[in-house]
Amino acid sequence: MAAKENLSVKTDDQLATQLGELKREQFNLRFQSATNQLEKPSRVREVRRTIARIKTLQTQRASAASKA
């Protein structure tokens, strides 16, 4: 899976940027799905899971920073 690069090595800014891009893509995919123009239905799942991975990592980092 090409979209599953190692997120833990990215900086917080890079993660935030990628999260914004993925949310935009998710919106576009949802729009394509609603109009029955979706070419790769599996991409919806990949994007959703990558967004969840990024949010989880951001939460873990914030928790670690508040404890330190």
PDB file of N, CA and C in Angstrom:
ATOM      1  N   MET A   1       0.840  -1.175   0.000  1.00  0.00           N
ATOM      2  CA  MET A   1       0.000   0.000   0.000  1.00  0.00           C
ATOM      3  C   MET A   1       0.887   1.240   0.000  1.00  0.00           C
ATOM      4  N   ALA A   2       0.838   1.985  -1.064  1.00  0.00           N
ATOM      5  CA  ALA A   2       1.712   3.142  -1.233  1.00  0.00           C
ATOM      6  C   ALA A   2       1.333   4.278  -0.294  1.00  0.00           C
ATOM      7  N   ALA A   3       0.066   4.406   0.040  1.00  0.00           N
ATOM      8  CA  ALA A   3      -0.383   5.510   0.886  1.00  0.00           C
ATOM      9  C   ALA A   3       0.054   5.338   2.331  1.00  0.00           C
ATOM     10  N   LYS A   4       0.459   4.134   2.694  1.00  0.00           N
ATOM     11  CA  LYS A   4       0.822   3.869   4.087  1.00  0.00           C
ATOM     12  C   LYS A   4       2.326   4.022   4.292  1.00  0.00           C
ATOM     13  N   GLU A   5       2.829   5.227   4.035  1.00  0.00           N
ATOM     14  CA  GLU A   5       4.226   5.481   4.332  1.00  0.00           C
ATOM     15  C   GLU A   5       4.351   5.661   5.840  1.00  0.00           C
ATOM     16  N   ASN A   6       5.552   5.690   6.316  1.00  0.00           N
ATOM     17  CA  ASN A   6       5.766   5.772   7.755  1.00  0.00           C
ATOM     18  C   ASN A   6       5.431   7.179   8.248  1.00  0.00           C
ATOM     19  N   LEU A   7       4.297   7.318   8.894  1.00  0.00           N
ATOM     20  CA  LEU A   7       3.833   8.621   9.357  1.00  0.00           C
ATOM     21  C   LEU A   7       4.580   9.096  10.591  1.00  0.00           C
ATOM     22  N   SER A   8       5.132   8.159  11.369  1.00  0.00           N
ATOM     23  CA  SER A   8       5.756   8.539  12.635  1.00  0.00           C
ATOM     24  C   SER A   8       7.041   9.344  12.449  1.00  0.00           C
ATOM     25  N   VAL A   9       7.619   9.319  11.259  1.00  0.00           N
ATOM     26  CA  VAL A   9       8.855  10.080  11.037  1.00  0.00           C
ATOM     27  C   VAL A   9       8.568  11.499  10.558  1.00  0.00           C
ATOM     28  N   LYS A  10       7.303  11.817  10.300  1.00  0.00           N
ATOM     29  CA  LYS A  10       6.951  13.152   9.823  1.00  0.00           C
ATOM     30  C   LYS A  10       6.802  14.114  10.998  1.00  0.00           C
ATOM     31  N   THR A  11       7.054  15.390  10.710  1.00  0.00           N
ATOM     32  CA  THR A  11       6.901  16.413  11.736  1.00  0.00           C
ATOM     33  C   THR A  11       5.413  16.726  11.916  1.00  0.00           C
ATOM     34  N   ASP A  12       5.103  17.445  12.985  1.00  0.00           N
ATOM     35  CA  ASP A  12       3.709  17.819  13.247  1.00  0.00           C
ATOM     36  C   ASP A  12       3.139  18.663  12.109  1.00  0.00           C
ATOM     37  N   ASP A  13       3.947  19.566  11.573  1.00  0.00           N
ATOM     38  CA  ASP A  13       3.487  20.410  10.466  1.00  0.00           C
ATOM     39  C   ASP A  13       3.208  19.584   9.213  1.00  0.00           C
ATOM     40  N   GLN A  14       4.072  18.629   8.941  1.00  0.00           N
ATOM     41  CA  GLN A  14       3.873  17.763   7.772  1.00  0.00           C
ATOM     42  C   GLN A  14       2.599  16.937   7.930  1.00  0.00           C
ATOM     43  N   LEU A  15       2.367  16.450   9.143  1.00  0.00           N
ATOM     44  CA  LEU A  15       1.152  15.670   9.398  1.00  0.00           C
ATOM     45  C   LEU A  15      -0.100  16.533   9.217  1.00  0.00           C
ATOM     46  N   ALA A  16      -0.050  17.758   9.721  1.00  0.00           N
ATOM     47  CA  ALA A  16      -1.199  18.656   9.593  1.00  0.00           C
ATOM     48  C   ALA A  16      -1.482  18.967   8.123  1.00  0.00           C
ATOM     49  N   THR A  17      -0.424  19.173   7.356  1.00  0.00           N
ATOM     50  CA  THR A  17      -0.576  19.442   5.925  1.00  0.00           C
ATOM     51  C   THR A  17      -1.182  18.240   5.213  1.00  0.00           C
ATOM     52  N   GLN A  18      -0.653  17.053   5.522  1.00  0.00           N
ATOM     53  CA  GLN A  18      -1.164  15.844   4.886  1.00  0.00           C
ATOM     54  C   GLN A  18      -2.617  15.591   5.283  1.00  0.00           C
ATOM     55  N   LEU A  19      -2.948  15.885   6.531  1.00  0.00           N
ATOM     56  CA  LEU A  19      -4.318  15.702   6.997  1.00  0.00           C
ATOM     57  C   LEU A  19      -5.273  16.599   6.213  1.00  0.00           C
ATOM     58  N   GLY A  20      -4.875  17.838   5.995  1.00  0.00           N
ATOM     59  CA  GLY A  20      -5.692  18.759   5.199  1.00  0.00           C
ATOM     60  C   GLY A  20      -5.898  18.262   3.780  1.00  0.00           C
ATOM     61  N   GLU A  21      -4.830  17.751   3.174  1.00  0.00           N
ATOM     62  CA  GLU A  21      -4.925  17.229   1.804  1.00  0.00           C
ATOM     63  C   GLU A  21      -5.850  16.012   1.751  1.00  0.00           C
ATOM     64  N   LEU A  22      -5.726  15.139   2.742  1.00  0.00           N
ATOM     65  CA  LEU A  22      -6.555  13.940   2.762  1.00  0.00           C
ATOM     66  C   LEU A  22      -8.021  14.269   3.001  1.00  0.00           C
ATOM     67  N   LYS A  23      -8.293  15.261   3.831  1.00  0.00           N
ATOM     68  CA  LYS A  23      -9.682  15.665   4.071  1.00  0.00           C
ATOM     69  C   LYS A  23     -10.289  16.233   2.795  1.00  0.00           C
ATOM     70  N   ARG A  24      -9.484  16.994   2.038  1.00  0.00           N
ATOM     71  CA  ARG A  24      -9.945  17.533   0.766  1.00  0.00           C
ATOM     72  C   ARG A  24     -10.237  16.387  -0.209  1.00  0.00           C
ATOM     73  N   GLU A  25      -9.318  15.412  -0.242  1.00  0.00           N
ATOM     74  CA  GLU A  25      -9.522  14.258  -1.126  1.00  0.00           C
ATOM     75  C   GLU A  25     -10.757  13.465  -0.700  1.00  0.00           C
ATOM     76  N   GLN A  26     -10.937  13.317   0.609  1.00  0.00           N
ATOM     77  CA  GLN A  26     -12.099  12.589   1.112  1.00  0.00           C
ATOM     78  C   GLN A  26     -13.398  13.280   0.680  1.00  0.00           C
ATOM     79  N   PHE A  27     -13.419  14.595   0.743  1.00  0.00           N
ATOM     80  CA  PHE A  27     -14.587  15.351   0.300  1.00  0.00           C
ATOM     81  C   PHE A  27     -14.860  15.088  -1.180  1.00  0.00           C
ATOM     82  N   ASN A  28     -13.801  15.165  -1.988  1.00  0.00           N
ATOM     83  CA  ASN A  28     -13.958  14.932  -3.423  1.00  0.00           C
ATOM     84  C   ASN A  28     -14.428  13.512  -3.714  1.00  0.00           C
ATOM     85  N   LEU A  29     -13.894  12.541  -2.979  1.00  0.00           N
ATOM     86  CA  LEU A  29     -14.311  11.151  -3.176  1.00  0.00           C
ATOM     87  C   LEU A  29     -15.774  10.965  -2.797  1.00  0.00           C
ATOM     88  N   ARG A  30     -16.185  11.623  -1.708  1.00  0.00           N
ATOM     89  CA  ARG A  30     -17.580  11.532  -1.290  1.00  0.00           C
ATOM     90  C   ARG A  30     -18.495  12.127  -2.358  1.00  0.00           C
ATOM     91  N   PHE A  31     -18.060  13.234  -2.932  1.00  0.00           N
ATOM     92  CA  PHE A  31     -18.836  13.881  -3.991  1.00  0.00           C
ATOM     93  C   PHE A  31     -18.930  12.975  -5.215  1.00  0.00           C
ATOM     94  N   GLN A  32     -17.803  12.359  -5.598  1.00  0.00           N
ATOM     95  CA  GLN A  32     -17.800  11.438  -6.739  1.00  0.00           C
ATOM     96  C   GLN A  32     -18.696  10.242  -6.468  1.00  0.00           C
ATOM     97  N   SER A  33     -18.677   9.754  -5.247  1.00  0.00           N
ATOM     98  CA  SER A  33     -19.499   8.611  -4.885  1.00  0.00           C
ATOM     99  C   SER A  33     -20.982   8.948  -4.999  1.00  0.00           C
ATOM    100  N   ALA A  34     -21.342  10.142  -4.569  1.00  0.00           N
ATOM    101  CA  ALA A  34     -22.741  10.560  -4.611  1.00  0.00           C
ATOM    102  C   ALA A  34     -23.242  10.709  -6.045  1.00  0.00           C
ATOM    103  N   THR A  35     -22.338  11.053  -6.947  1.00  0.00           N
ATOM    104  CA  THR A  35     -22.730  11.233  -8.346  1.00  0.00           C
ATOM    105  C   THR A  35     -22.376  10.011  -9.199  1.00  0.00           C
ATOM    106  N   ASN A  36     -22.045   8.913  -8.549  1.00  0.00           N
ATOM    107  CA  ASN A  36     -21.706   7.655  -9.224  1.00  0.00           C
ATOM    108  C   ASN A  36     -20.578   7.800 -10.243  1.00  0.00           C
ATOM    109  N   GLN A  37     -19.545   8.560  -9.900  1.00  0.00           N
ATOM    110  CA  GLN A  37     -18.392   8.744 -10.772  1.00  0.00           C
ATOM    111  C   GLN A  37     -17.114   8.223 -10.135  1.00  0.00           C
ATOM    112  N   LEU A  38     -17.255   7.412  -9.107  1.00  0.00           N
ATOM    113  CA  LEU A  38     -16.108   6.937  -8.357  1.00  0.00           C
ATOM    114  C   LEU A  38     -15.384   5.852  -9.142  1.00  0.00           C
ATOM    115  N   GLU A  39     -14.070   6.076  -9.407  1.00  0.00           N
ATOM    116  CA  GLU A  39     -13.292   5.109 -10.175  1.00  0.00           C
ATOM    117  C   GLU A  39     -12.713   4.016  -9.287  1.00  0.00           C
ATOM    118  N   LYS A  40     -12.231   4.396  -8.090  1.00  0.00           N
ATOM    119  CA  LYS A  40     -11.608   3.429  -7.187  1.00  0.00           C
ATOM    120  C   LYS A  40     -12.307   3.473  -5.829  1.00  0.00           C
ATOM    121  N   PRO A  41     -13.331   2.674  -5.631  1.00  0.00           N
ATOM    122  CA  PRO A  41     -14.055   2.688  -4.359  1.00  0.00           C
ATOM    123  C   PRO A  41     -13.160   2.356  -3.166  1.00  0.00           C
ATOM    124  N   SER A  42     -12.113   1.581  -3.375  1.00  0.00           N
ATOM    125  CA  SER A  42     -11.225   1.210  -2.270  1.00  0.00           C
ATOM    126  C   SER A  42     -10.448   2.411  -1.740  1.00  0.00           C
ATOM    127  N   ARG A  43     -10.307   3.441  -2.548  1.00  0.00           N
ATOM    128  CA  ARG A  43      -9.562   4.638  -2.126  1.00  0.00           C
ATOM    129  C   ARG A  43     -10.262   5.350  -0.968  1.00  0.00           C
ATOM    130  N   VAL A  44     -11.601   5.283  -0.942  1.00  0.00           N
ATOM    131  CA  VAL A  44     -12.361   5.910   0.143  1.00  0.00           C
ATOM    132  C   VAL A  44     -11.920   5.324   1.481  1.00  0.00           C
ATOM    133  N   ARG A  45     -11.798   4.024   1.526  1.00  0.00           N
ATOM    134  CA  ARG A  45     -11.396   3.330   2.755  1.00  0.00           C
ATOM    135  C   ARG A  45      -9.950   3.674   3.134  1.00  0.00           C
ATOM    136  N   GLU A  46      -9.063   3.690   2.139  1.00  0.00           N
ATOM    137  CA  GLU A  46      -7.659   4.018   2.398  1.00  0.00           C
ATOM    138  C   GLU A  46      -7.519   5.415   2.989  1.00  0.00           C
ATOM    139  N   VAL A  47      -8.211   6.377   2.399  1.00  0.00           N
ATOM    140  CA  VAL A  47      -8.127   7.758   2.856  1.00  0.00           C
ATOM    141  C   VAL A  47      -8.669   7.872   4.276  1.00  0.00           C
ATOM    142  N   ARG A  48      -9.808   7.247   4.530  1.00  0.00           N
ATOM    143  CA  ARG A  48     -10.413   7.307   5.859  1.00  0.00           C
ATOM    144  C   ARG A  48      -9.481   6.732   6.923  1.00  0.00           C
ATOM    145  N   ARG A  49      -8.852   5.629   6.615  1.00  0.00           N
ATOM    146  CA  ARG A  49      -7.956   4.990   7.578  1.00  0.00           C
ATOM    147  C   ARG A  49      -6.671   5.781   7.777  1.00  0.00           C
ATOM    148  N   THR A  50      -6.160   6.394   6.717  1.00  0.00           N
ATOM    149  CA  THR A  50      -4.955   7.206   6.853  1.00  0.00           C
ATOM    150  C   THR A  50      -5.244   8.440   7.703  1.00  0.00           C
ATOM    151  N   ILE A  51      -6.420   9.032   7.521  1.00  0.00           N
ATOM    152  CA  ILE A  51      -6.824  10.165   8.354  1.00  0.00           C
ATOM    153  C   ILE A  51      -6.869   9.735   9.817  1.00  0.00           C
ATOM    154  N   ALA A  52      -7.421   8.571  10.084  1.00  0.00           N
ATOM    155  CA  ALA A  52      -7.492   8.065  11.458  1.00  0.00           C
ATOM    156  C   ALA A  52      -6.098   7.835  12.030  1.00  0.00           C
ATOM    157  N   ARG A  53      -5.192   7.310  11.215  1.00  0.00           N
ATOM    158  CA  ARG A  53      -3.810   7.083  11.678  1.00  0.00           C
ATOM    159  C   ARG A  53      -3.144   8.405  12.070  1.00  0.00           C
ATOM    160  N   ILE A  54      -3.330   9.424  11.232  1.00  0.00           N
ATOM    161  CA  ILE A  54      -2.720  10.726  11.500  1.00  0.00           C
ATOM    162  C   ILE A  54      -3.299  11.326  12.777  1.00  0.00           C
ATOM    163  N   LYS A  55      -4.615  11.266  12.928  1.00  0.00           N
ATOM    164  CA  LYS A  55      -5.242  11.828  14.121  1.00  0.00           C
ATOM    165  C   LYS A  55      -4.788  11.096  15.378  1.00  0.00           C
ATOM    166  N   THR A  56      -4.658   9.781  15.286  1.00  0.00           N
ATOM    167  CA  THR A  56      -4.182   9.000  16.427  1.00  0.00           C
ATOM    168  C   THR A  56      -2.769   9.415  16.798  1.00  0.00           C
ATOM    169  N   LEU A  57      -1.918   9.557  15.803  1.00  0.00           N
ATOM    170  CA  LEU A  57      -0.532   9.959  16.046  1.00  0.00           C
ATOM    171  C   LEU A  57      -0.463  11.356  16.655  1.00  0.00           C
ATOM    172  N   GLN A  58      -1.286  12.277  16.165  1.00  0.00           N
ATOM    173  CA  GLN A  58      -1.310  13.631  16.715  1.00  0.00           C
ATOM    174  C   GLN A  58      -1.764  13.612  18.174  1.00  0.00           C
ATOM    175  N   THR A  59      -2.756  12.791  18.492  1.00  0.00           N
ATOM    176  CA  THR A  59      -3.247  12.678  19.869  1.00  0.00           C
ATOM    177  C   THR A  59      -2.170  12.104  20.774  1.00  0.00           C
ATOM    178  N   GLN A  60      -1.464  11.088  20.293  1.00  0.00           N
ATOM    179  CA  GLN A  60      -0.393  10.485  21.082  1.00  0.00           C
ATOM    180  C   GLN A  60       0.713  11.485  21.352  1.00  0.00           C
ATOM    181  N   ARG A  61       1.071  12.255  20.348  1.00  0.00           N
ATOM    182  CA  ARG A  61       2.129  13.260  20.512  1.00  0.00           C
ATOM    183  C   ARG A  61       1.699  14.356  21.471  1.00  0.00           C
ATOM    184  N   ALA A  62       0.447  14.796  21.375  1.00  0.00           N
ATOM    185  CA  ALA A  62      -0.053  15.831  22.276  1.00  0.00           C
ATOM    186  C   ALA A  62      -0.087  15.327  23.706  1.00  0.00           C
ATOM    187  N   SER A  63      -0.462  14.089  23.882  1.00  0.00           N
ATOM    188  CA  SER A  63      -0.516  13.487  25.220  1.00  0.00           C
ATOM    189  C   SER A  63       0.899  13.380  25.804  1.00  0.00           C
ATOM    190  N   ALA A  64       1.842  12.956  24.980  1.00  0.00           N
ATOM    191  CA  ALA A  64       3.227  12.827  25.438  1.00  0.00           C
ATOM    192  C   ALA A  64       3.809  14.197  25.774  1.00  0.00           C
ATOM    193  N   ALA A  65       3.453  15.213  25.004  1.00  0.00           N
ATOM    194  CA  ALA A  65       3.980  16.543  25.245  1.00  0.00           C
ATOM    195  C   ALA A  65       3.412  17.148  26.528  1.00  0.00           C
ATOM    196  N   SER A  66       2.160  16.835  26.827  1.00  0.00           N
ATOM    197  CA  SER A  66       1.553  17.393  28.038  1.00  0.00           C
ATOM    198  C   SER A  66       2.076  16.719  29.295  1.00  0.00           C
ATOM    199  N   LYS A  67       2.523  15.474  29.170  1.00  0.00           N
ATOM    200  CA  LYS A  67       3.067  14.746  30.318  1.00  0.00           C
ATOM    201  C   LYS A  67       4.517  15.147  30.598  1.00  0.00           C
ATOM    202  N   ALA A  68       5.201  15.582  29.562  1.00  0.00           N
ATOM    203  CA  ALA A  68       6.632  15.911  29.706  1.00  0.00           C
ATOM    204  C   ALA A  68       6.859  17.275  30.302  1.00  0.00           C
TER     205      ALA A  68
END
